[in-house]
Protein backbone atom coordinates (compact mmCIF):
# COMPACT_ATOMS: atom_id res chain seq x y z
CA UNK A 1 -25.86 107.85 52.89
CA UNK A 2 -27.19 104.73 51.18
CA UNK A 3 -26.28 102.57 54.20
CA UNK A 4 -28.24 104.85 56.53
CA UNK A 5 -31.29 104.69 54.25
CA UNK A 6 -31.08 100.89 54.05
CA UNK A 7 -30.78 100.74 57.83
CA UNK A 8 -33.82 103.01 58.13
CA UNK A 9 -35.91 100.66 55.95
CA UNK A 10 -34.79 97.69 58.05
CA UNK A 11 -35.68 99.57 61.23
CA UNK A 12 -39.11 100.59 59.91
CA UNK A 13 -39.81 96.96 59.04
CA UNK A 14 -38.58 95.75 62.44
CA UNK A 15 -40.61 98.35 64.32
CA UNK A 16 -43.83 97.64 62.45
CA UNK A 17 -43.33 93.89 62.83
CA UNK A 18 -42.94 94.50 66.58
CA UNK A 19 -46.15 96.55 66.72
CA UNK A 20 -48.02 93.80 64.90
CA UNK A 21 -46.62 91.17 67.27
CA UNK A 22 -47.79 93.17 70.30
CA UNK A 23 -51.27 93.55 68.83
CA UNK A 24 -51.44 89.87 67.88
CA UNK A 25 -50.38 88.81 71.38
CA UNK A 26 -53.00 91.08 72.96
CA UNK A 27 -55.75 89.94 70.57
CA UNK A 28 -54.91 86.27 71.20
CA UNK A 29 -55.77 86.71 74.88
CA UNK A 30 -59.32 87.86 74.14
CA UNK A 31 -62.49 85.84 73.87
CA UNK A 32 -64.77 86.67 70.94
CA UNK A 33 -67.02 88.57 73.32
CA UNK A 34 -64.09 90.67 74.56
CA UNK A 35 -62.79 91.18 70.99
CA UNK A 36 -66.11 92.79 69.94
CA UNK A 37 -66.94 94.49 73.28
CA UNK A 38 -67.36 98.27 73.40
CA UNK A 39 -66.27 99.98 76.62
CA UNK A 40 -69.01 102.54 75.94
CA UNK A 41 -71.11 103.57 72.90
CA UNK A 42 -68.63 106.25 71.79
CA UNK A 43 -65.54 104.02 72.00
CA UNK A 44 -64.06 101.46 69.65
CA UNK A 45 -63.78 97.74 70.26
CA UNK A 46 -60.61 95.82 69.48
CA UNK A 47 -62.48 94.45 66.45
CA UNK A 48 -63.17 97.96 65.14
CA UNK A 49 -59.55 99.00 65.63
CA UNK A 50 -58.40 95.86 63.77
CA UNK A 51 -60.81 96.67 60.94
CA UNK A 52 -59.62 100.28 60.78
CA UNK A 53 -55.91 99.42 60.76
CA UNK A 54 -56.47 96.82 58.03
CA UNK A 55 -58.42 99.33 55.95
CA UNK A 56 -55.80 102.00 56.43
CA UNK A 57 -52.95 99.66 55.47
CA UNK A 58 -54.80 98.46 52.37
CA UNK A 59 -55.45 102.01 51.26
CA UNK A 60 -51.99 103.37 52.00
CA UNK A 61 -49.88 100.48 50.70
CA UNK A 62 -51.76 99.30 47.60
CA UNK A 63 -49.86 101.00 44.81
CA UNK A 64 -47.82 102.84 47.42
CA UNK A 65 -45.42 104.54 45.00
CA UNK A 66 -47.88 105.01 42.16
CA UNK A 67 -51.27 106.09 43.55
CA UNK A 68 -52.67 108.31 46.26
CA UNK A 69 -52.73 106.61 49.65
CA UNK A 70 -56.40 107.40 50.12
CA UNK A 71 -58.01 105.07 47.61
CA UNK A 72 -61.35 106.05 46.05
CA UNK A 73 -62.86 102.70 47.11
CA UNK A 74 -61.93 103.19 50.78
CA UNK A 75 -64.88 104.05 52.96
CA UNK A 76 -63.09 104.98 56.18
CA UNK A 77 -66.24 105.70 58.18
CA UNK A 78 -67.42 102.12 57.56
CA UNK A 79 -64.24 100.85 59.23
CA UNK A 80 -65.72 102.07 62.51
CA UNK A 81 -68.98 100.15 62.09
CA UNK A 82 -69.51 96.51 62.93
CA UNK A 83 -72.31 94.38 61.54
CA UNK A 84 -73.64 91.31 63.36
CA UNK A 85 -72.48 89.17 60.42
CA UNK A 86 -68.84 90.22 60.81
CA UNK A 87 -66.74 87.47 62.33
CA UNK A 88 -63.46 87.57 64.17
CA UNK A 89 -62.03 85.19 61.58
CA UNK A 90 -62.93 87.56 58.73
CA UNK A 91 -61.39 90.55 60.49
CA UNK A 92 -58.20 88.70 61.38
CA UNK A 93 -57.87 87.40 57.82
CA UNK A 94 -58.15 90.97 56.51
CA UNK A 95 -55.72 92.11 59.24
CA UNK A 96 -53.11 89.52 58.18
CA UNK A 97 -53.59 90.23 54.49
CA UNK A 98 -53.02 93.95 54.86
CA UNK A 99 -50.08 93.70 57.26
CA UNK A 100 -48.54 91.35 54.69
CA UNK A 101 -49.15 94.00 52.01
CA UNK A 102 -47.36 96.55 54.20
CA UNK A 103 -44.38 94.26 54.81
CA UNK A 104 -44.10 93.32 51.14
CA UNK A 105 -44.21 97.00 50.18
CA UNK A 106 -41.47 97.94 52.63
CA UNK A 107 -39.33 95.00 51.49
CA UNK A 108 -39.74 96.11 47.86
CA UNK A 109 -38.42 99.60 48.56
CA UNK A 110 -34.88 100.58 47.69
CA UNK A 111 -32.91 103.06 49.83
CA UNK A 112 -33.18 105.73 47.12
CA UNK A 113 -37.00 105.41 47.20
CA UNK A 114 -37.06 107.22 50.55
CA UNK A 115 -36.66 110.51 48.70
CA UNK A 116 -39.44 109.82 46.21
CA UNK A 117 -42.77 111.59 46.57
CA UNK A 118 -46.09 109.95 47.30
CA UNK A 119 -49.43 111.50 48.16
CA UNK A 120 -51.99 110.82 50.85
CA UNK A 121 -55.29 112.65 50.33
CA UNK A 122 -53.46 114.77 47.77
CA UNK A 123 -50.81 115.87 50.27
CA UNK A 124 -47.30 115.33 48.89
CA UNK A 125 -44.96 113.47 51.25
CA UNK A 126 -41.60 111.84 50.90
CA UNK A 127 -41.67 108.06 51.21
CA UNK A 128 -39.77 108.52 54.48
CA UNK A 129 -42.53 110.80 55.80
CA UNK A 130 -45.27 108.40 54.69
CA UNK A 131 -43.53 105.48 56.41
CA UNK A 132 -43.06 107.48 59.62
CA UNK A 133 -46.74 108.40 59.47
CA UNK A 134 -47.67 104.71 59.12
CA UNK A 135 -45.50 103.73 62.10
CA UNK A 136 -47.06 106.43 64.27
CA UNK A 137 -50.59 105.50 63.21
CA UNK A 138 -50.05 101.80 63.85
CA UNK A 139 -48.35 102.42 67.21
CA UNK A 140 -51.23 104.63 68.33
CA UNK A 141 -53.83 101.97 67.58
CA UNK A 142 -51.75 99.03 68.81
CA UNK A 143 -51.55 100.86 72.15
CA UNK A 144 -55.34 101.09 72.15
CA UNK A 145 -55.63 97.36 71.41
CA UNK A 146 -53.25 96.49 74.26
CA UNK A 147 -55.04 98.85 76.65
CA UNK A 148 -58.46 97.40 75.84
CA UNK A 149 -57.23 93.81 75.99
CA UNK A 150 -55.63 94.41 79.38
CA UNK A 151 -58.85 96.08 80.57
CA UNK A 152 -61.03 93.16 79.44
CA UNK A 153 -58.69 90.47 80.81
CA UNK A 154 -58.13 92.10 84.21
CA UNK A 155 -56.15 89.83 86.54
CA UNK A 156 -55.90 87.18 83.77
CA UNK A 157 -53.85 89.54 81.56
CA UNK A 158 -50.48 88.19 80.47
CA UNK A 159 -48.08 91.11 80.16
CA UNK A 160 -46.70 91.93 76.71
CA UNK A 161 -43.57 93.51 78.19
CA UNK A 162 -42.09 93.74 81.67
CA UNK A 163 -44.73 92.52 84.14
CA UNK A 164 -45.74 94.93 86.89
CA UNK A 165 -43.43 94.67 89.90
CA UNK A 166 -40.76 92.69 88.04
CA UNK A 167 -38.56 95.44 86.58
CA UNK A 168 -35.54 94.69 88.77
CA UNK A 169 -35.53 90.98 87.90
CA UNK A 170 -36.02 91.77 84.21
CA UNK A 171 -33.18 94.31 84.17
CA UNK A 172 -30.83 91.94 86.02
CA UNK A 173 -31.43 89.24 83.38
CA UNK A 174 -30.75 91.67 80.55
CA UNK A 175 -27.60 93.07 82.14
CA UNK A 176 -26.32 89.52 82.71
CA UNK A 177 -27.14 88.50 79.14
CA UNK A 178 -25.40 91.46 77.54
CA UNK A 179 -22.42 91.21 79.87
CA UNK A 180 -21.85 87.61 78.66
CA UNK A 181 -22.13 88.73 75.03
CA UNK A 182 -19.61 91.56 75.46
């Protein structure tokens, strides 16, 4: 059982690192104007999504095992507001800082911690449930970042996965690679 739990923690780390890499690669393609652009008044910009994810990670993973995941000093609604003074550099610094907090927290966990209880907004969850919730939340918003970045870049978009119309070539390379390794 312990090996499965250790593998789970490794997989959670790997998956979240992959989500961050996708978001980083999408964000890197954007100009500052595109980073802050709103598709419409009711939508979020990439900058707002970055701010929200960073705020969520800070709240959830500061004192992860010892305090409620919704910190009293978190003002979630403010994560969806952007002031003219806010810079891309500030947001990306906060983004990096809080992803690092997440990764350090996951790396500090022991397999037996997965069965411990934590709370988020008073709701009791196992550590496993809280981590799954974090993965789902991050994946949801990383998808939004990639979608918006692709929208803003248009024909200049550099694919983050298999480029459109190139699936057969991509698959052939993978099959050849894994056949050599077998």
